[in-house]
C-alpha cells in the first residue's frame, strides 16, 4: 500500500472520457474537486456534499459513484466518464436527446448527475419494462420512459424490439387509472368549492389576486383552510392572468392564528405535513405580498414568513406563541425565523413566545416595511404590486427560485444555480425586450417568455 503524506500534492493519472489525463491532488481532495478545479471539467456539480443528492455522479470503471465521496488519489489508473463524455463529436447521445425532447432539463444543476446515473442504470437494465422503470429514482424513471426502446439497446434483435413495443396493455389497469384521475379531480374541486373562512378577490386590470382571511372577529385559520391555501396557491401560480398575489385579513385584522379547538379533531398522522400547505407562497412562482394589521400570530405569522414581502401597520404584533399552551410551531415558523434572524433572536422569540412590535420585527429583518395605518397599508400594497407587475414575470419567477434555493445551499452550489438561471434568461424574449426597451428609452412590454 502506498503511504500518502498529508497535505502533499500527489500526481494522479487516469483516463477521462477516453483521454489520458493527469493532475495534482492532495490525499483529501475529492474526485469532484479534482475534475472541476484541476482538469477544468465543470459539468460535474457539487450539491449536498454528503453523497445524497447525486448531482456529482460520474462513472468510474463502469460504475456510478458519487464523486464528492470519492478521493481523487483512489482513482489512479481508473477510467472515468463524466457528462462531457456522453456526446460524441458534438452530437448528443440518445439519452441526452430524450432529456431535451421531453423537457427533463429543469434548471440544469442536477441534470448531469441524473444523466450519469441513468447511463449506469440503463447499462445494467438495457430493456427495462415500464413497471420496473417506475421503481428507480424519478429522474432515471423519466429518462427510461422518454427514451425509445431501440435507443436503450441498439443491438437488440428486431423481433424482440417489436414485441417490446407491442406489449399487451392491461385495459383494467388503464380504466382504474382513469377512475382514480376523476376521483382526484373531484377531490380538488370539492376542496376549493367553498373556502373555509377565506375569500378570493381578483383585480384583472391590476393583475392582482387577494386572498382574504375572513372569519370574524380575529380571522382564525382552520385546519381545512390550510389545505385550501396550498391548493389555491398552486392554481394561482399557474394562472397567466395573475401577476402578484396578496394575503391579508378582513376588518382591519390579519389573523390571531389557528383554530386551536379544532386541532383536537385532526388525526395525529396528518400534523407533520402542515408546513407544506402553509409554505405554498414560497413555492409559488409569482411574487407574494403579505399585508398585516393588528395581529400576526401562530399560523398567520408562519404564512407571512413564507411570503416574499411582509408589510405591516405600526400597531401590528407578530408572535409564535404556541409554547404558552404547551405546544410549538408546526407550520415552519420556528425554522424560518431561525434562518432569518439567527439562533439567539429565534430562541428569544420562539422559546419565550414573545410578541414583537412591528418596528422591532422590522429591525430584526422579519418585516419588509412598516406603515402608519390601514390606509397607508392599502397604498403600499398597490405600490408594490404595480412595481412588480411592471417587471418580467419570467425574470421574477426565476430570481425568486434562485434566492429561495440558494439560501439553503453551499456558496458554490448557489453560484452554479445563479449562473445556469442567468444563461436561461439570456435566450428569453423578456430579456431581449428589456434590453431593446432600455436602448430605445421606452417602457418594455414583457410576456413572461
Protein backbone atom coordinates (compact mmCIF):
# COMPACT_ATOMS: atom_id res chain seq x y z
CA UNK A 1 0.00 0.00 0.00
CA UNK A 2 1.30 3.43 -0.93
CA UNK A 3 1.59 5.73 2.07
CA UNK A 4 0.47 9.25 1.23
CA UNK A 5 1.82 12.25 3.05
CA UNK A 6 -0.96 14.52 4.39
CA UNK A 7 -1.05 17.94 2.75
CA UNK A 8 1.36 16.98 -0.03
CA UNK A 9 0.28 17.05 -3.66
CA UNK A 10 0.42 13.72 -5.47
CA UNK A 11 0.34 13.16 -9.21
CA UNK A 12 -2.82 11.32 -10.26
CA UNK A 13 -3.01 9.81 -13.74
CA UNK A 14 -6.25 8.43 -15.11
CA UNK A 15 -8.35 8.20 -18.26
CA UNK A 16 -11.23 10.67 -18.52
CA UNK A 17 -13.75 10.30 -21.33
CA UNK A 18 -11.29 8.20 -23.30
CA UNK A 19 -8.33 10.59 -22.98
CA UNK A 20 -5.30 10.30 -20.71
CA UNK A 21 -5.32 12.98 -18.03
CA UNK A 22 -3.19 13.78 -15.03
CA UNK A 23 -3.10 16.38 -12.29
CA UNK A 24 -2.06 17.09 -8.74
CA UNK A 25 -4.24 16.19 -5.77
CA UNK A 26 -3.81 16.12 -2.02
CA UNK A 27 -4.89 12.91 -0.26
CA UNK A 28 -8.03 14.71 0.96
CA UNK A 29 -9.01 16.08 -2.49
CA UNK A 30 -12.34 14.68 -3.62
CA UNK A 31 -12.77 13.47 -7.18
CA UNK A 32 -15.38 16.16 -7.86
CA UNK A 33 -12.92 18.92 -6.92
CA UNK A 34 -10.18 17.25 -8.94
CA UNK A 35 -12.38 17.12 -12.03
CA UNK A 36 -13.63 20.68 -11.70
CA UNK A 37 -10.58 22.57 -10.50
CA UNK A 38 -7.64 20.52 -11.73
CA UNK A 39 -9.00 19.14 -15.00
CA UNK A 40 -11.41 22.03 -15.67
CA UNK A 41 -14.39 19.73 -16.33
CA UNK A 42 -17.25 21.75 -14.91
CA UNK A 43 -20.17 19.53 -15.94
CA UNK A 44 -20.00 17.64 -12.64
CA UNK A 45 -21.69 19.74 -9.97
CA UNK A 46 -21.41 19.86 -6.19
CA UNK A 47 -24.72 19.77 -4.35
CA UNK A 48 -25.21 18.35 -0.87
CA UNK A 49 -21.60 17.14 -0.45
CA UNK A 50 -22.95 14.16 1.50
CA UNK A 51 -23.48 11.72 -1.38
CA UNK A 52 -27.26 12.10 -1.16
CA UNK A 53 -28.43 14.38 -3.98
CA UNK A 54 -26.50 12.70 -6.81
CA UNK A 55 -25.58 15.91 -8.68
CA UNK A 56 -21.92 14.86 -8.62
CA UNK A 57 -22.41 11.36 -10.10
CA UNK A 58 -19.77 10.12 -12.56
CA UNK A 59 -18.74 6.68 -13.83
CA UNK A 60 -15.54 5.11 -12.51
CA UNK A 61 -14.52 1.88 -14.23
CA UNK A 62 -18.10 1.45 -15.46
CA UNK A 63 -19.66 2.01 -12.05
CA UNK A 64 -21.70 5.04 -10.99
CA UNK A 65 -20.13 6.76 -7.98
CA UNK A 66 -20.72 9.96 -6.03
CA UNK A 67 -17.57 11.91 -6.85
CA UNK A 68 -17.98 14.10 -3.74
CA UNK A 69 -17.42 10.94 -1.66
CA UNK A 70 -14.53 9.51 -3.71
CA UNK A 71 -10.92 10.59 -3.15
CA UNK A 72 -9.11 11.54 -6.34
CA UNK A 73 -6.00 9.55 -5.39
CA UNK A 74 -8.14 6.40 -5.25
CA UNK A 75 -8.79 6.79 -8.97
CA UNK A 76 -5.17 6.39 -10.02
CA UNK A 77 -5.22 4.43 -13.31
CA UNK A 78 -9.02 4.33 -13.38
CA UNK A 79 -11.26 5.06 -16.34
CA UNK A 80 -13.59 7.92 -15.51
CA UNK A 81 -16.53 9.06 -17.58
CA UNK A 82 -18.26 12.40 -16.96
CA UNK A 83 -21.23 14.06 -18.58
CA UNK A 84 -18.88 15.74 -21.06
CA UNK A 85 -18.13 12.28 -22.47
CA UNK A 86 -21.70 11.34 -23.35
CA UNK A 87 -21.87 13.34 -26.58
CA UNK A 88 -19.82 12.07 -29.50
CA UNK A 89 -18.21 14.55 -31.91
CA UNK A 90 -20.53 17.29 -30.73
CA UNK A 91 -23.70 15.22 -31.19
CA UNK A 92 -25.85 14.48 -28.11
CA UNK A 93 -26.38 10.79 -27.42
CA UNK A 94 -29.84 9.20 -27.34
CA UNK A 95 -30.29 9.75 -23.61
CA UNK A 96 -29.39 13.44 -23.79
CA UNK A 97 -31.67 13.91 -26.79
CA UNK A 98 -34.52 12.26 -24.86
CA UNK A 99 -33.98 14.63 -21.93
CA UNK A 100 -34.03 17.60 -24.27
CA UNK A 101 -37.02 16.37 -26.25
CA UNK A 102 -39.15 15.69 -23.18
CA UNK A 103 -38.15 18.84 -21.26
CA UNK A 104 -36.39 16.93 -18.46
CA UNK A 105 -33.62 19.51 -18.01
CA UNK A 106 -35.20 21.55 -15.15
CA UNK A 107 -32.74 24.29 -14.12
CA UNK A 108 -29.84 22.11 -15.28
CA UNK A 109 -27.95 21.90 -12.00
CA UNK A 110 -28.74 18.24 -11.26
CA UNK A 111 -29.13 17.16 -14.87
CA UNK A 112 -25.53 15.96 -15.27
CA UNK A 113 -25.82 13.67 -12.24
CA UNK A 114 -29.16 12.28 -13.40
CA UNK A 115 -27.75 11.62 -16.87
CA UNK A 116 -24.80 9.70 -15.45
CA UNK A 117 -26.98 7.74 -13.02
CA UNK A 118 -29.37 6.94 -15.87
CA UNK A 119 -26.46 5.86 -18.10
CA UNK A 120 -25.32 3.37 -15.48
CA UNK A 121 -28.85 2.16 -14.75
CA UNK A 122 -29.68 1.63 -18.44
CA UNK A 123 -26.38 -0.21 -18.93
CA UNK A 124 -27.47 -2.69 -16.26
CA UNK A 125 -31.10 -2.69 -17.42
CA UNK A 126 -30.86 -2.35 -21.23
CA UNK A 127 -34.53 -3.12 -21.91
CA UNK A 128 -36.50 -2.29 -18.75
CA UNK A 129 -40.28 -2.62 -18.79
CA UNK A 130 -42.17 0.48 -17.72
CA UNK A 131 -43.22 -1.17 -14.47
CA UNK A 132 -39.58 -1.59 -13.47
CA UNK A 133 -38.52 1.89 -14.60
CA UNK A 134 -41.00 3.36 -12.14
CA UNK A 135 -39.17 1.77 -9.22
CA UNK A 136 -35.95 3.69 -9.83
CA UNK A 137 -35.26 7.32 -8.99
CA UNK A 138 -37.64 9.90 -10.54
CA UNK A 139 -35.03 11.35 -12.89
CA UNK A 140 -33.98 7.96 -14.23
CA UNK A 141 -37.60 6.87 -14.43
CA UNK A 142 -38.38 9.84 -16.65
CA UNK A 143 -35.40 9.05 -18.84
CA UNK A 144 -36.36 5.39 -19.18
CA UNK A 145 -39.91 6.28 -20.14
CA UNK A 146 -38.78 9.01 -22.51
CA UNK A 147 -36.22 7.04 -24.49
CA UNK A 148 -37.37 4.78 -27.31
CA UNK A 149 -36.54 1.18 -26.60
CA UNK A 150 -34.38 0.97 -29.73
CA UNK A 151 -32.13 3.68 -28.23
CA UNK A 152 -31.70 1.79 -24.98
CA UNK A 153 -30.21 -1.25 -26.69
CA UNK A 154 -29.49 -0.79 -30.35
CA UNK A 155 -28.11 -4.32 -30.67
CA UNK A 156 -31.39 -5.92 -29.58
CA UNK A 157 -32.87 -8.24 -32.25
CA UNK A 158 -35.65 -6.60 -34.26
CA UNK A 159 -38.26 -9.22 -33.38
CA UNK A 160 -37.67 -8.59 -29.69
CA UNK A 161 -37.97 -4.83 -30.25
CA UNK A 162 -41.35 -5.29 -31.92
CA UNK A 163 -42.67 -7.45 -29.10
CA UNK A 164 -41.44 -4.96 -26.53
CA UNK A 165 -43.15 -2.07 -28.25
CA UNK A 166 -46.36 -4.05 -28.71
CA UNK A 167 -46.67 -5.33 -25.15
CA UNK A 168 -50.36 -6.05 -24.47
CA UNK A 169 -51.89 -3.42 -22.24
CA UNK A 170 -53.97 -4.29 -19.25
CA UNK A 171 -57.17 -2.41 -20.00
CA UNK A 172 -58.37 -2.88 -16.45
CA UNK A 173 -55.31 -1.01 -15.18
CA UNK A 174 -55.94 1.87 -17.59
CA UNK A 175 -59.60 2.02 -16.60
CA UNK A 176 -58.64 2.04 -12.96
CA UNK A 177 -56.18 4.87 -13.63
CA UNK A 178 -58.86 6.93 -15.36
CA UNK A 179 -61.24 6.37 -12.46
CA UNK A 180 -58.57 7.45 -9.98
CA UNK A 181 -57.86 10.58 -12.02
CA UNK A 182 -61.54 11.51 -11.93
CA UNK A 183 -61.57 10.87 -8.21
CA UNK A 184 -58.58 13.14 -7.62
CA UNK A 185 -60.07 15.88 -9.80
CA UNK A 186 -63.30 15.71 -7.79
CA UNK A 187 -61.40 15.86 -4.51
CA UNK A 188 -59.54 19.00 -5.64
CA UNK A 189 -62.82 20.51 -6.84
CA UNK A 190 -64.55 19.69 -3.54
CA UNK A 191 -61.65 21.16 -1.58
CA UNK A 192 -61.93 24.54 -3.30
CA UNK A 193 -65.71 24.56 -3.87
CA UNK A 194 -66.34 26.55 -0.68
CA UNK A 195 -63.49 28.34 1.07
CA UNK A 196 -63.44 27.93 4.83
CA UNK A 197 -63.11 31.32 6.50
CA UNK A 198 -61.46 32.91 3.44
CA UNK A 199 -62.38 34.58 0.19
CA UNK A 200 -60.50 35.32 -3.02
CA UNK A 201 -60.76 38.61 -4.88
CA UNK A 202 -59.21 39.21 -8.31
CA UNK A 203 -58.45 42.58 -9.88
CA UNK A 204 -57.93 41.74 -13.54
CA UNK A 205 -56.91 45.25 -14.52
CA UNK A 206 -54.11 45.26 -11.95
CA UNK A 207 -53.32 41.53 -12.48
CA UNK A 208 -53.59 41.03 -8.72
CA UNK A 209 -55.29 38.29 -6.68
CA UNK A 210 -56.00 38.89 -2.98
CA UNK A 211 -56.61 36.03 -0.56
CA UNK A 212 -58.52 37.47 2.41
CA UNK A 213 -58.74 35.64 5.73
CA UNK A 214 -62.30 36.37 6.84
CA UNK A 215 -63.58 34.63 9.95
CA UNK A 216 -64.70 37.33 12.43
CA UNK A 217 -63.66 38.52 14.84
CA UNK A 218 -59.95 37.57 14.57
CA UNK A 219 -59.84 35.57 11.31
CA UNK A 220 -58.53 32.32 12.79
CA UNK A 221 -57.33 29.73 10.26
CA UNK A 222 -58.91 26.27 10.32
CA UNK A 223 -57.18 23.01 9.51
CA UNK A 224 -59.19 22.70 6.26
CA UNK A 225 -58.24 26.25 5.29
CA UNK A 226 -54.58 25.28 5.38
CA UNK A 227 -55.16 22.68 2.66
CA UNK A 228 -57.19 25.19 0.69
CA UNK A 229 -54.37 27.74 0.93
CA UNK A 230 -51.93 25.21 -0.53
CA UNK A 231 -54.28 24.31 -3.40
CA UNK A 232 -55.15 27.95 -4.14
CA UNK A 233 -51.52 28.98 -4.45
CA UNK A 234 -50.86 26.10 -6.84
CA UNK A 235 -53.69 27.28 -9.10
CA UNK A 236 -52.83 30.98 -8.81
CA UNK A 237 -49.22 30.18 -9.65
CA UNK A 238 -50.36 28.66 -12.96
CA UNK A 239 -52.81 31.44 -13.90
CA UNK A 240 -51.25 33.64 -16.61
CA UNK A 241 -53.73 36.45 -15.82
CA UNK A 242 -52.33 36.86 -12.30
CA UNK A 243 -49.02 38.65 -11.75
CA UNK A 244 -48.99 39.33 -8.00
CA UNK A 245 -50.73 37.65 -5.05
CA UNK A 246 -51.66 39.41 -1.81
CA UNK A 247 -52.56 37.78 1.52
CA UNK A 248 -54.35 39.85 4.16
CA UNK A 249 -57.13 39.79 6.73
CA UNK A 250 -60.61 41.31 6.78
CA UNK A 251 -61.98 44.07 9.00
CA UNK A 252 -58.66 45.62 9.99
CA UNK A 253 -57.17 42.40 11.44
CA UNK A 254 -54.77 39.98 9.80
CA UNK A 255 -55.18 36.87 12.00
CA UNK A 256 -54.72 35.75 15.58
CA UNK A 257 -53.60 32.29 14.43
CA UNK A 258 -55.04 28.80 14.10
CA UNK A 259 -58.20 27.13 15.29
CA UNK A 260 -56.84 25.61 18.49
CA UNK A 261 -60.09 23.88 19.44
CA UNK A 262 -60.39 22.24 16.04
CA UNK A 263 -56.96 20.65 16.23
CA UNK A 264 -58.12 18.05 18.74
CA UNK A 265 -60.24 16.50 15.96
CA UNK A 266 -57.34 16.23 13.50
CA UNK A 267 -55.59 12.81 13.19
CA UNK A 268 -52.07 12.97 14.57
CA UNK A 269 -50.51 11.50 11.42
CA UNK A 270 -51.69 14.48 9.39
CA UNK A 271 -49.98 17.08 11.54
CA UNK A 272 -46.42 16.67 10.25
CA UNK A 273 -47.41 17.98 6.81
CA UNK A 274 -48.75 21.35 7.93
CA UNK A 275 -45.66 23.24 6.77
CA UNK A 276 -46.19 22.06 3.18
CA UNK A 277 -49.50 23.89 2.73
CA UNK A 278 -48.50 26.99 4.68
CA UNK A 279 -45.21 27.12 2.73
CA UNK A 280 -47.10 27.34 -0.59
CA UNK A 281 -46.39 31.08 -1.09
CA UNK A 282 -42.65 30.32 -1.12
CA UNK A 283 -43.06 27.66 -3.83
CA UNK A 284 -45.41 29.83 -5.88
CA UNK A 285 -43.59 31.32 -8.91
CA UNK A 286 -45.44 34.64 -8.51
CA UNK A 287 -44.41 37.38 -6.05
CA UNK A 288 -46.50 37.16 -2.86
CA UNK A 289 -47.18 40.11 -0.53
CA UNK A 290 -48.49 39.62 3.00
CA UNK A 291 -50.25 42.67 4.49
CA UNK A 292 -50.61 42.53 8.27
CA UNK A 293 -52.71 44.54 10.68
CA UNK A 294 -53.09 44.29 14.47
CA UNK A 295 -52.22 40.60 14.97
CA UNK A 296 -49.99 38.17 13.08
CA UNK A 297 -49.85 35.20 15.43
CA UNK A 298 -49.18 31.48 15.04
CA UNK A 299 -50.01 30.04 11.65
CA UNK A 300 -50.77 33.54 10.33
CA UNK A 301 -47.20 34.63 11.05
CA UNK A 302 -45.90 31.36 9.60
CA UNK A 303 -47.87 32.06 6.41
CA UNK A 304 -46.44 35.57 6.30
CA UNK A 305 -42.89 34.24 6.70
CA UNK A 306 -43.39 32.11 3.58
CA UNK A 307 -44.32 35.23 1.55
CA UNK A 308 -41.83 37.36 -0.36
CA UNK A 309 -42.79 40.74 1.10
CA UNK A 310 -44.22 41.42 4.56
CA UNK A 311 -45.91 44.77 5.08
CA UNK A 312 -47.40 45.78 8.44
CA UNK A 313 -49.09 48.70 10.17
CA UNK A 314 -47.12 50.14 13.08
CA UNK A 315 -49.57 48.74 15.67
CA UNK A 316 -49.13 45.15 14.43
CA UNK A 317 -47.86 42.48 16.80
CA UNK A 318 -46.17 39.32 15.49
CA UNK A 319 -45.61 36.17 17.51
CA UNK A 320 -45.26 32.40 17.63
CA UNK A 321 -46.99 31.89 20.99
CA UNK A 322 -47.56 28.13 20.79
CA UNK A 323 -45.20 27.41 23.70
CA UNK A 324 -47.56 29.26 26.05
CA UNK A 325 -50.16 26.49 25.59
CA UNK A 326 -47.68 23.61 25.78
CA UNK A 327 -47.14 23.26 22.02
CA UNK A 328 -44.67 24.51 19.43
CA UNK A 329 -44.90 26.00 15.91
CA UNK A 330 -45.80 23.27 13.42
CA UNK A 331 -46.02 25.01 10.06
CA UNK A 332 -42.41 26.05 9.55
CA UNK A 333 -42.35 29.12 11.78
CA UNK A 334 -39.51 28.20 14.11
CA UNK A 335 -37.22 27.17 11.25
CA UNK A 336 -37.96 30.20 9.06
CA UNK A 337 -37.35 32.58 11.96
CA UNK A 338 -34.13 30.75 12.79
CA UNK A 339 -32.81 31.13 9.24
CA UNK A 340 -33.83 34.77 9.04
CA UNK A 341 -32.57 36.14 12.36
CA UNK A 342 -30.19 33.55 13.81
CA UNK A 343 -30.28 31.32 16.88
CA UNK A 344 -30.16 33.96 19.62
CA UNK A 345 -33.12 36.00 18.43
CA UNK A 346 -35.04 32.91 17.31
CA UNK A 347 -34.86 31.46 20.82
CA UNK A 348 -35.79 34.82 22.31
CA UNK A 349 -38.91 34.95 20.16
CA UNK A 350 -39.98 31.30 19.97
CA UNK A 351 -38.96 29.86 23.36
CA UNK A 352 -40.39 32.85 25.20
CA UNK A 353 -43.48 33.14 22.98
CA UNK A 354 -42.67 36.85 22.68
CA UNK A 355 -44.91 39.32 20.90
CA UNK A 356 -42.81 41.67 18.80
CA UNK A 357 -43.91 45.12 17.80
CA UNK A 358 -43.80 45.68 14.05
CA UNK A 359 -40.94 48.14 14.45
CA UNK A 360 -38.82 45.58 16.32
CA UNK A 361 -39.63 42.82 13.81
CA UNK A 362 -38.62 45.24 11.05
CA UNK A 363 -35.32 45.97 12.81
CA UNK A 364 -34.70 42.21 13.03
CA UNK A 365 -35.28 41.80 9.29
CA UNK A 366 -38.57 39.91 9.63
CA UNK A 367 -40.77 42.63 8.12
CA UNK A 368 -40.12 44.42 4.82
CA UNK A 369 -41.84 47.73 5.58
CA UNK A 370 -43.87 49.29 8.41
CA UNK A 371 -46.56 51.86 7.56
CA UNK A 372 -48.71 54.20 9.60
CA UNK A 373 -52.23 52.75 9.30
CA UNK A 374 -54.68 50.77 7.14
CA UNK A 375 -54.93 53.46 4.50
CA UNK A 376 -51.16 53.59 4.17
CA UNK A 377 -51.10 49.80 4.00
CA UNK A 378 -53.51 49.83 1.05
CA UNK A 379 -51.28 52.33 -0.76
CA UNK A 380 -48.17 50.25 -0.03
CA UNK A 381 -49.82 47.12 -1.42
CA UNK A 382 -50.84 48.95 -4.58
CA UNK A 383 -47.34 50.39 -4.98
CA UNK A 384 -45.55 47.05 -4.53
CA UNK A 385 -47.98 45.26 -6.87
CA UNK A 386 -47.63 47.90 -9.58
CA UNK A 387 -43.83 47.82 -9.46
CA UNK A 388 -43.72 44.02 -9.55
CA UNK A 389 -46.25 43.76 -12.39
CA UNK A 390 -44.10 46.14 -14.45
CA UNK A 391 -41.23 43.65 -14.36
CA UNK A 392 -40.66 40.48 -16.37
CA UNK A 393 -42.70 37.57 -14.90
CA UNK A 394 -40.05 35.12 -16.13
CA UNK A 395 -37.20 37.05 -14.51
CA UNK A 396 -39.16 37.39 -11.25
CA UNK A 397 -40.05 33.69 -11.01
CA UNK A 398 -36.50 32.63 -11.91
CA UNK A 399 -34.90 35.02 -9.43
CA UNK A 400 -37.34 34.00 -6.69
CA UNK A 401 -36.41 30.35 -7.14
CA UNK A 402 -32.68 31.10 -7.19
CA UNK A 403 -32.91 33.14 -3.97
CA UNK A 404 -35.06 30.59 -2.15
CA UNK A 405 -32.96 27.60 -3.15
CA UNK A 406 -29.65 29.40 -2.79
CA UNK A 407 -30.46 30.36 0.80
CA UNK A 408 -30.13 26.71 1.85
CA UNK A 409 -27.24 25.66 -0.41
CA UNK A 410 -23.47 25.97 -0.33
CA UNK A 411 -21.99 29.14 -1.82
CA UNK A 412 -20.50 27.27 -4.77
CA UNK A 413 -23.80 25.50 -5.48
CA UNK A 414 -25.58 28.84 -5.28
CA UNK A 415 -23.16 30.35 -7.79
CA UNK A 416 -23.79 27.48 -10.18
CA UNK A 417 -27.55 27.78 -9.71
CA UNK A 418 -27.43 31.51 -10.39
CA UNK A 419 -25.21 31.00 -13.44
CA UNK A 420 -27.49 28.40 -15.03
CA UNK A 421 -30.53 30.58 -14.40
CA UNK A 422 -28.72 33.56 -15.92
CA UNK A 423 -27.95 31.53 -19.04
CA UNK A 424 -31.60 30.53 -19.29
CA UNK A 425 -32.77 34.13 -19.20
CA UNK A 426 -30.24 35.21 -21.84
CA UNK A 427 -32.30 33.48 -24.54
CA UNK A 428 -35.70 34.70 -23.33
CA UNK A 429 -38.00 37.10 -25.15
CA UNK A 430 -38.30 39.21 -21.99
CA UNK A 431 -34.54 39.79 -21.76
CA UNK A 432 -34.35 40.86 -25.39
CA UNK A 433 -37.40 43.10 -24.97
CA UNK A 434 -35.99 44.65 -21.80
CA UNK A 435 -32.62 45.35 -23.41
CA UNK A 436 -34.17 46.86 -26.54
CA UNK A 437 -36.54 48.99 -24.44
CA UNK A 438 -33.54 50.24 -22.46
CA UNK A 439 -31.67 51.18 -25.64
CA UNK A 440 -34.75 52.79 -27.17
CA UNK A 441 -35.70 54.59 -23.92
CA UNK A 442 -39.23 53.19 -23.76
CA UNK A 443 -41.23 51.02 -21.38
CA UNK A 444 -40.76 47.29 -22.04
CA UNK A 445 -43.68 45.00 -22.88
CA UNK A 446 -42.98 41.72 -21.14
CA UNK A 447 -44.78 38.47 -21.96
CA UNK A 448 -43.25 36.07 -19.44
CA UNK A 449 -41.46 34.10 -22.18
